[in-house]
Amino acid sequence: MTTNNLLRKQVISELRKRRHIFLTFIILSFIYLAINLFFSDMSLFKLFELNDTQNNIKTEIASINKQNEQLRTQIKLLKEDPFYREKLAREEFGLAKPDEYIFQYDR
């Protein structure tokens, strides 16, 4: 029976070593995955940063598109509306018709 007990202890010891090795491997794997999840080039932090950048760029694109539309409208008015051209010439460039006086006030 002593050889049987000795064999049983040896088997139990081997099983404990294998479990210990397996658990160590699992824990190290989780640590590796966690580090990669948070600190690698494709981490969550980088993902959030890229999403913020994407939102900022979308906002900027919308603003530029709005500005482009205003410029297109202004170009159309300049080409087609003589009253708008006259108004712009008077307000922006200070031009006047012959025999007109321009009064400018300091604000």
N, C-alpha and C. Protein backbone atom coordinates (compact mmCIF):
# COMPACT_ATOMS: atom_id res chain seq x y z
N MET A 1 0.80 -1.19 0.00
CA MET A 1 0.00 0.00 0.00
C MET A 1 0.85 1.26 0.00
N THR A 2 2.01 1.16 0.46
CA THR A 2 2.85 2.35 0.48
C THR A 2 3.24 2.78 -0.93
N THR A 3 3.44 1.79 -1.78
CA THR A 3 3.75 2.16 -3.16
C THR A 3 2.53 2.78 -3.83
N ASN A 4 1.35 2.26 -3.46
CA ASN A 4 0.12 2.80 -4.00
C ASN A 4 -0.10 4.24 -3.52
N ASN A 5 0.15 4.48 -2.22
CA ASN A 5 0.04 5.83 -1.67
C ASN A 5 1.08 6.76 -2.28
N LEU A 6 2.25 6.25 -2.45
CA LEU A 6 3.32 7.05 -3.05
C LEU A 6 2.98 7.41 -4.49
N LEU A 7 2.45 6.44 -5.20
CA LEU A 7 2.04 6.69 -6.58
C LEU A 7 0.89 7.70 -6.64
N ARG A 8 -0.07 7.54 -5.72
CA ARG A 8 -1.20 8.46 -5.66
C ARG A 8 -0.72 9.88 -5.35
N LYS A 9 0.19 10.04 -4.40
CA LYS A 9 0.74 11.35 -4.07
C LYS A 9 1.47 11.96 -5.26
N GLN A 10 2.18 11.11 -5.97
CA GLN A 10 2.92 11.59 -7.13
C GLN A 10 1.96 12.05 -8.23
N VAL A 11 0.88 11.31 -8.43
CA VAL A 11 -0.11 11.70 -9.45
C VAL A 11 -0.79 13.00 -9.04
N ILE A 12 -1.16 13.11 -7.77
CA ILE A 12 -1.80 14.33 -7.28
C ILE A 12 -0.86 15.51 -7.40
N SER A 13 0.40 15.29 -7.09
CA SER A 13 1.40 16.34 -7.22
C SER A 13 1.54 16.78 -8.68
N GLU A 14 1.54 15.83 -9.60
CA GLU A 14 1.63 16.15 -11.03
C GLU A 14 0.40 16.94 -11.49
N LEU A 15 -0.78 16.53 -11.00
CA LEU A 15 -2.00 17.24 -11.36
C LEU A 15 -1.98 18.68 -10.83
N ARG A 16 -1.50 18.86 -9.62
CA ARG A 16 -1.39 20.20 -9.05
C ARG A 16 -0.42 21.06 -9.84
N LYS A 17 0.70 20.47 -10.26
CA LYS A 17 1.67 21.20 -11.07
C LYS A 17 1.05 21.62 -12.40
N ARG A 18 0.32 20.69 -13.02
CA ARG A 18 -0.32 21.01 -14.30
C ARG A 18 -1.37 22.10 -14.15
N ARG A 19 -2.17 21.99 -13.08
CA ARG A 19 -3.17 23.03 -12.83
C ARG A 19 -2.50 24.38 -12.58
N HIS A 20 -1.43 24.34 -11.80
CA HIS A 20 -0.68 25.56 -11.49
C HIS A 20 -0.11 26.16 -12.79
N ILE A 21 0.44 25.34 -13.63
CA ILE A 21 1.00 25.81 -14.90
C ILE A 21 -0.13 26.35 -15.78
N PHE A 22 -1.24 25.63 -15.84
CA PHE A 22 -2.37 26.06 -16.66
C PHE A 22 -2.93 27.41 -16.17
N LEU A 23 -3.13 27.55 -14.87
CA LEU A 23 -3.63 28.80 -14.31
C LEU A 23 -2.65 29.94 -14.53
N THR A 24 -1.37 29.66 -14.38
CA THR A 24 -0.36 30.68 -14.64
C THR A 24 -0.41 31.12 -16.10
N PHE A 25 -0.54 30.17 -17.01
CA PHE A 25 -0.64 30.49 -18.42
C PHE A 25 -1.88 31.33 -18.72
N ILE A 26 -3.02 30.97 -18.12
CA ILE A 26 -4.26 31.71 -18.32
C ILE A 26 -4.12 33.13 -17.78
N ILE A 27 -3.57 33.27 -16.59
CA ILE A 27 -3.41 34.61 -15.98
C ILE A 27 -2.47 35.47 -16.82
N LEU A 28 -1.36 34.89 -17.26
CA LEU A 28 -0.42 35.65 -18.10
C LEU A 28 -1.06 36.04 -19.44
N SER A 29 -1.90 35.15 -19.96
CA SER A 29 -2.59 35.46 -21.21
C SER A 29 -3.55 36.63 -21.02
N PHE A 30 -4.29 36.63 -19.91
CA PHE A 30 -5.20 37.74 -19.64
C PHE A 30 -4.44 39.04 -19.43
N ILE A 31 -3.32 38.98 -18.75
CA ILE A 31 -2.51 40.19 -18.55
C ILE A 31 -2.02 40.72 -19.89
N TYR A 32 -1.56 39.83 -20.75
CA TYR A 32 -1.08 40.22 -22.07
C TYR A 32 -2.21 40.86 -22.89
N LEU A 33 -3.38 40.24 -22.87
CA LEU A 33 -4.52 40.79 -23.60
C LEU A 33 -4.96 42.14 -23.05
N ALA A 34 -4.93 42.28 -21.73
CA ALA A 34 -5.32 43.56 -21.12
C ALA A 34 -4.34 44.67 -21.51
N ILE A 35 -3.06 44.35 -21.48
CA ILE A 35 -2.06 45.35 -21.86
C ILE A 35 -2.25 45.75 -23.33
N ASN A 36 -2.48 44.77 -24.19
CA ASN A 36 -2.70 45.09 -25.60
C ASN A 36 -4.00 45.86 -25.81
N LEU A 37 -5.01 45.56 -25.02
CA LEU A 37 -6.29 46.22 -25.16
C LEU A 37 -6.19 47.70 -24.82
N PHE A 38 -5.35 48.05 -23.86
CA PHE A 38 -5.29 49.44 -23.41
C PHE A 38 -4.07 50.21 -23.90
N PHE A 39 -2.97 49.57 -24.21
CA PHE A 39 -1.74 50.31 -24.47
C PHE A 39 -1.09 50.06 -25.82
N SER A 40 -1.68 49.29 -26.69
CA SER A 40 -1.05 49.03 -27.98
C SER A 40 -1.44 50.10 -28.99
N ASP A 41 -0.99 49.94 -30.23
CA ASP A 41 -1.32 50.91 -31.28
C ASP A 41 -2.80 50.89 -31.63
N MET A 42 -3.45 49.78 -31.42
CA MET A 42 -4.87 49.67 -31.73
C MET A 42 -5.68 49.48 -30.44
N SER A 43 -5.38 50.28 -29.46
CA SER A 43 -6.02 50.14 -28.15
C SER A 43 -7.35 50.88 -28.11
N LEU A 44 -8.03 50.74 -27.00
CA LEU A 44 -9.30 51.45 -26.81
C LEU A 44 -9.07 52.96 -26.75
N PHE A 45 -7.97 53.37 -26.12
CA PHE A 45 -7.67 54.79 -26.03
C PHE A 45 -7.49 55.38 -27.43
N LYS A 46 -6.79 54.66 -28.27
CA LYS A 46 -6.56 55.12 -29.64
C LYS A 46 -7.89 55.16 -30.40
N LEU A 47 -8.74 54.18 -30.16
CA LEU A 47 -10.06 54.15 -30.80
C LEU A 47 -10.89 55.37 -30.42
N PHE A 48 -10.90 55.70 -29.13
CA PHE A 48 -11.65 56.88 -28.68
C PHE A 48 -11.07 58.16 -29.28
N GLU A 49 -9.75 58.23 -29.33
CA GLU A 49 -9.09 59.40 -29.91
C GLU A 49 -9.42 59.53 -31.40
N LEU A 50 -9.42 58.44 -32.11
CA LEU A 50 -9.76 58.47 -33.53
C LEU A 50 -11.22 58.84 -33.76
N ASN A 51 -12.11 58.37 -32.89
CA ASN A 51 -13.52 58.75 -33.00
C ASN A 51 -13.71 60.25 -32.77
N ASP A 52 -12.99 60.81 -31.80
CA ASP A 52 -13.06 62.26 -31.57
C ASP A 52 -12.54 63.02 -32.78
N THR A 53 -11.44 62.56 -33.34
CA THR A 53 -10.88 63.21 -34.52
C THR A 53 -11.86 63.14 -35.68
N GLN A 54 -12.49 61.98 -35.85
CA GLN A 54 -13.47 61.82 -36.93
C GLN A 54 -14.65 62.77 -36.74
N ASN A 55 -15.13 62.91 -35.52
CA ASN A 55 -16.25 63.82 -35.25
C ASN A 55 -15.85 65.27 -35.53
N ASN A 56 -14.63 65.64 -35.14
CA ASN A 56 -14.14 67.00 -35.39
C ASN A 56 -14.05 67.27 -36.89
N ILE A 57 -13.56 66.30 -37.64
CA ILE A 57 -13.43 66.46 -39.08
C ILE A 57 -14.81 66.56 -39.74
N LYS A 58 -15.77 65.75 -39.28
CA LYS A 58 -17.13 65.82 -39.83
C LYS A 58 -17.74 67.19 -39.56
N THR A 59 -17.52 67.73 -38.37
CA THR A 59 -18.03 69.06 -38.05
C THR A 59 -17.39 70.12 -38.95
N GLU A 60 -16.10 70.00 -39.14
CA GLU A 60 -15.38 70.95 -40.00
C GLU A 60 -15.87 70.85 -41.45
N ILE A 61 -16.11 69.63 -41.92
CA ILE A 61 -16.62 69.44 -43.29
C ILE A 61 -17.99 70.08 -43.44
N ALA A 62 -18.85 69.89 -42.44
CA ALA A 62 -20.19 70.50 -42.49
C ALA A 62 -20.09 72.02 -42.53
N SER A 63 -19.18 72.58 -41.74
CA SER A 63 -18.99 74.03 -41.72
C SER A 63 -18.49 74.53 -43.07
N ILE A 64 -17.55 73.81 -43.65
CA ILE A 64 -17.01 74.22 -44.96
C ILE A 64 -18.07 74.09 -46.04
N ASN A 65 -18.89 73.04 -45.98
CA ASN A 65 -19.97 72.89 -46.96
C ASN A 65 -20.97 74.03 -46.85
N LYS A 66 -21.27 74.45 -45.63
CA LYS A 66 -22.18 75.57 -45.42
C LYS A 66 -21.58 76.85 -45.99
N GLN A 67 -20.30 77.04 -45.74
CA GLN A 67 -19.62 78.23 -46.27
C GLN A 67 -19.58 78.19 -47.80
N ASN A 68 -19.36 77.03 -48.38
CA ASN A 68 -19.36 76.88 -49.83
C ASN A 68 -20.73 77.23 -50.42
N GLU A 69 -21.77 76.80 -49.75
CA GLU A 69 -23.12 77.10 -50.23
C GLU A 69 -23.38 78.60 -50.19
N GLN A 70 -22.92 79.27 -49.13
CA GLN A 70 -23.08 80.72 -49.04
C GLN A 70 -22.31 81.42 -50.16
N LEU A 71 -21.10 80.93 -50.44
CA LEU A 71 -20.31 81.52 -51.51
C LEU A 71 -20.95 81.28 -52.88
N ARG A 72 -21.51 80.10 -53.09
CA ARG A 72 -22.21 79.82 -54.35
C ARG A 72 -23.40 80.77 -54.53
N THR A 73 -24.13 80.98 -53.44
CA THR A 73 -25.27 81.89 -53.49
C THR A 73 -24.80 83.31 -53.81
N GLN A 74 -23.72 83.73 -53.18
CA GLN A 74 -23.19 85.07 -53.42
C GLN A 74 -22.70 85.21 -54.87
N ILE A 75 -22.05 84.19 -55.41
CA ILE A 75 -21.59 84.22 -56.81
C ILE A 75 -22.79 84.31 -57.75
N LYS A 76 -23.82 83.54 -57.45
CA LYS A 76 -25.02 83.57 -58.29
C LYS A 76 -25.66 84.95 -58.28
N LEU A 77 -25.73 85.56 -57.08
CA LEU A 77 -26.30 86.91 -56.99
C LEU A 77 -25.43 87.92 -57.72
N LEU A 78 -24.13 87.78 -57.62
CA LEU A 78 -23.24 88.71 -58.31
C LEU A 78 -23.38 88.60 -59.82
N LYS A 79 -23.59 87.40 -60.32
CA LYS A 79 -23.74 87.21 -61.76
C LYS A 79 -25.10 87.69 -62.27
N GLU A 80 -26.15 87.53 -61.48
CA GLU A 80 -27.50 87.73 -61.99
C GLU A 80 -28.20 89.00 -61.49
N ASP A 81 -27.85 89.50 -60.32
CA ASP A 81 -28.61 90.59 -59.71
C ASP A 81 -27.80 91.89 -59.72
N PRO A 82 -28.17 92.85 -60.55
CA PRO A 82 -27.41 94.10 -60.59
C PRO A 82 -27.58 94.93 -59.31
N PHE A 83 -28.71 94.82 -58.64
CA PHE A 83 -28.91 95.56 -57.40
C PHE A 83 -27.98 95.04 -56.29
N TYR A 84 -27.77 93.74 -56.29
CA TYR A 84 -26.85 93.16 -55.29
C TYR A 84 -25.42 93.62 -55.57
N ARG A 85 -25.04 93.68 -56.86
CA ARG A 85 -23.69 94.17 -57.21
C ARG A 85 -23.51 95.60 -56.76
N GLU A 86 -24.52 96.41 -56.99
CA GLU A 86 -24.43 97.81 -56.58
C GLU A 86 -24.33 97.93 -55.07
N LYS A 87 -25.15 97.18 -54.36
CA LYS A 87 -25.12 97.20 -52.89
C LYS A 87 -23.75 96.78 -52.37
N LEU A 88 -23.20 95.71 -52.95
CA LEU A 88 -21.89 95.22 -52.52
C LEU A 88 -20.80 96.25 -52.82
N ALA A 89 -20.87 96.88 -53.99
CA ALA A 89 -19.88 97.89 -54.34
C ALA A 89 -19.95 99.07 -53.39
N ARG A 90 -21.14 99.44 -53.00
CA ARG A 90 -21.28 100.58 -52.09
C ARG A 90 -20.80 100.22 -50.67
N GLU A 91 -21.23 99.04 -50.17
CA GLU A 91 -20.92 98.70 -48.78
C GLU A 91 -19.48 98.23 -48.59
N GLU A 92 -19.02 97.36 -49.47
CA GLU A 92 -17.70 96.75 -49.27
C GLU A 92 -16.56 97.66 -49.75
N PHE A 93 -16.78 98.33 -50.86
CA PHE A 93 -15.68 99.08 -51.47
C PHE A 93 -15.84 100.59 -51.37
N GLY A 94 -16.96 101.04 -50.83
CA GLY A 94 -17.15 102.48 -50.63
C GLY A 94 -17.32 103.25 -51.93
N LEU A 95 -17.77 102.60 -52.97
CA LEU A 95 -17.97 103.28 -54.25
C LEU A 95 -19.27 104.07 -54.23
N ALA A 96 -19.33 105.05 -55.10
CA ALA A 96 -20.53 105.89 -55.18
C ALA A 96 -20.77 106.24 -56.64
N LYS A 97 -22.00 106.59 -56.92
CA LYS A 97 -22.34 107.07 -58.26
C LYS A 97 -21.80 108.48 -58.42
N PRO A 98 -21.67 108.91 -59.66
CA PRO A 98 -21.23 110.31 -59.86
C PRO A 98 -22.20 111.27 -59.17
N ASP A 99 -21.66 112.32 -58.62
CA ASP A 99 -22.41 113.37 -57.90
C ASP A 99 -23.06 112.85 -56.63
N GLU A 100 -22.51 111.78 -56.03
CA GLU A 100 -22.98 111.28 -54.74
C GLU A 100 -21.90 111.52 -53.70
N TYR A 101 -22.31 111.74 -52.48
CA TYR A 101 -21.36 111.91 -51.39
C TYR A 101 -21.52 110.75 -50.41
N ILE A 102 -20.40 110.33 -49.86
CA ILE A 102 -20.42 109.23 -48.89
C ILE A 102 -20.08 109.80 -47.53
N PHE A 103 -20.93 109.54 -46.58
CA PHE A 103 -20.71 109.98 -45.21
C PHE A 103 -20.37 108.74 -44.38
N GLN A 104 -19.21 108.79 -43.74
CA GLN A 104 -18.80 107.67 -42.91
C GLN A 104 -18.74 108.12 -41.47
N TYR A 105 -19.26 107.33 -40.59
CA TYR A 105 -19.28 107.66 -39.17
C TYR A 105 -18.44 106.63 -38.42
N ASP A 106 -17.68 107.10 -37.46
CA ASP A 106 -16.90 106.19 -36.61
C ASP A 106 -17.81 105.65 -35.54
N ARG A 107 -17.68 104.37 -35.32
CA ARG A 107 -18.52 103.73 -34.31
C ARG A 107 -17.73 103.46 -33.08
